Amino acid sequence: MSRLSTKQKGLLNQLREQSKRIEKLSRIEHDLIKEVHPQVGEIKEEMIAAMKENSEHNPPASKKKGH
């Protein structure tokens, strides 16, 4: 049992380190995107509004049984 527990601790430590690296890279990526295009937030909001508007005008087709 001790061996399994040691392996689990090792795996958890690896996962923590990996998640820290991913978070760091995500922050760097976000900063780069903001640098390249400072209006990323505005574009995202516009896209969300457009998608909502589109879904209101074009509701999904209902599925009929037996066809």
C-alpha atoms as a PDB file:
ATOM      1  CA  MET A   1       0.000   0.000   0.000  1.00  0.00           C
ATOM      2  CA  SER A   2       2.843   2.374   0.774  1.00  0.00           C
ATOM      3  CA  ARG A   3       4.154   1.951  -2.755  1.00  0.00           C
ATOM      4  CA  LEU A   4       0.779   2.864  -4.288  1.00  0.00           C
ATOM      5  CA  SER A   5       0.497   5.896  -2.051  1.00  0.00           C
ATOM      6  CA  THR A   6       3.976   7.052  -3.067  1.00  0.00           C
ATOM      7  CA  LYS A   7       3.071   6.625  -6.735  1.00  0.00           C
ATOM      8  CA  GLN A   8      -0.128   8.609  -6.213  1.00  0.00           C
ATOM      9  CA  LYS A   9       1.764  11.426  -4.500  1.00  0.00           C
ATOM     10  CA  GLY A  10       4.239  11.502  -7.354  1.00  0.00           C
ATOM     11  CA  LEU A  11       1.453  11.667  -9.902  1.00  0.00           C
ATOM     12  CA  LEU A  12      -0.316  14.448  -7.994  1.00  0.00           C
ATOM     13  CA  ASN A  13       2.906  16.452  -7.859  1.00  0.00           C
ATOM     14  CA  GLN A  14       3.367  16.010 -11.610  1.00  0.00           C
ATOM     15  CA  LEU A  15      -0.209  17.138 -12.222  1.00  0.00           C
ATOM     16  CA  ARG A  16       0.263  20.215 -10.028  1.00  0.00           C
ATOM     17  CA  GLU A  17       3.436  21.169 -11.883  1.00  0.00           C
ATOM     18  CA  GLN A  18       1.736  20.604 -15.215  1.00  0.00           C
ATOM     19  CA  SER A  19      -1.259  22.733 -14.248  1.00  0.00           C
ATOM     20  CA  LYS A  20       1.054  25.553 -13.124  1.00  0.00           C
ATOM     21  CA  ARG A  21       2.826  25.443 -16.493  1.00  0.00           C
ATOM     22  CA  ILE A  22      -0.502  25.461 -18.333  1.00  0.00           C
ATOM     23  CA  GLU A  23      -1.754  28.437 -16.305  1.00  0.00           C
ATOM     24  CA  LYS A  24       1.465  30.338 -16.988  1.00  0.00           C
ATOM     25  CA  LEU A  25       1.254  29.623 -20.722  1.00  0.00           C
ATOM     26  CA  SER A  26      -2.422  30.604 -20.770  1.00  0.00           C
ATOM     27  CA  ARG A  27      -1.623  33.960 -19.164  1.00  0.00           C
ATOM     28  CA  ILE A  28       1.183  34.553 -21.653  1.00  0.00           C
ATOM     29  CA  GLU A  29      -1.100  33.615 -24.554  1.00  0.00           C
ATOM     30  CA  HIS A  30      -3.841  35.920 -23.283  1.00  0.00           C
ATOM     31  CA  ASP A  31      -1.374  38.807 -22.934  1.00  0.00           C
ATOM     32  CA  LEU A  32      -0.108  38.211 -26.472  1.00  0.00           C
ATOM     33  CA  ILE A  33      -3.629  38.200 -27.855  1.00  0.00           C
ATOM     34  CA  LYS A  34      -4.441  41.429 -26.015  1.00  0.00           C
ATOM     35  CA  GLU A  35      -1.251  42.956 -27.410  1.00  0.00           C
ATOM     36  CA  VAL A  36      -2.067  41.939 -30.971  1.00  0.00           C
ATOM     37  CA  HIS A  37      -5.699  42.876 -30.728  1.00  0.00           C
ATOM     38  CA  PRO A  38      -6.625  45.098 -27.772  1.00  0.00           C
ATOM     39  CA  GLN A  39     -10.338  44.809 -28.508  1.00  0.00           C
ATOM     40  CA  VAL A  40     -10.571  41.045 -27.960  1.00  0.00           C
ATOM     41  CA  GLY A  41     -13.185  41.499 -25.215  1.00  0.00           C
ATOM     42  CA  GLU A  42     -15.369  43.673 -27.424  1.00  0.00           C
ATOM     43  CA  ILE A  43     -15.188  41.211 -30.305  1.00  0.00           C
ATOM     44  CA  LYS A  44     -16.096  38.355 -27.971  1.00  0.00           C
ATOM     45  CA  GLU A  45     -19.140  40.269 -26.709  1.00  0.00           C
ATOM     46  CA  GLU A  46     -20.185  41.067 -30.284  1.00  0.00           C
ATOM     47  CA  MET A  47     -19.869  37.412 -31.285  1.00  0.00           C
ATOM     48  CA  ILE A  48     -21.958  36.279 -28.316  1.00  0.00           C
ATOM     49  CA  ALA A  49     -24.643  38.854 -29.155  1.00  0.00           C
ATOM     50  CA  ALA A  50     -24.632  37.798 -32.823  1.00  0.00           C
ATOM     51  CA  MET A  51     -24.937  34.126 -31.891  1.00  0.00           C
ATOM     52  CA  LYS A  52     -27.859  34.859 -29.549  1.00  0.00           C
ATOM     53  CA  GLU A  53     -29.564  36.947 -32.204  1.00  0.00           C
ATOM     54  CA  ASN A  54     -29.038  34.237 -34.804  1.00  0.00           C
ATOM     55  CA  SER A  55     -30.429  31.541 -32.515  1.00  0.00           C
ATOM     56  CA  GLU A  56     -33.513  33.667 -31.787  1.00  0.00           C
ATOM     57  CA  HIS A  57     -34.217  34.130 -35.493  1.00  0.00           C
ATOM     58  CA  ASN A  58     -33.399  30.530 -36.442  1.00  0.00           C
ATOM     59  CA  PRO A  59     -34.558  28.193 -33.670  1.00  0.00           C
ATOM     60  CA  PRO A  60     -33.305  24.604 -33.963  1.00  0.00           C
ATOM     61  CA  ALA A  61     -35.587  22.325 -35.953  1.00  0.00           C
ATOM     62  CA  SER A  62     -37.562  19.946 -33.784  1.00  0.00           C
ATOM     63  CA  LYS A  63     -37.030  16.248 -34.404  1.00  0.00           C
ATOM     64  CA  LYS A  64     -40.143  14.302 -35.369  1.00  0.00           C
ATOM     65  CA  LYS A  65     -40.494  10.666 -34.376  1.00  0.00           C
ATOM     66  CA  GLY A  66     -41.294   8.074 -36.980  1.00  0.00           C
ATOM     67  CA  HIS A  67     -39.462   9.725 -39.908  1.00  0.00           C
END
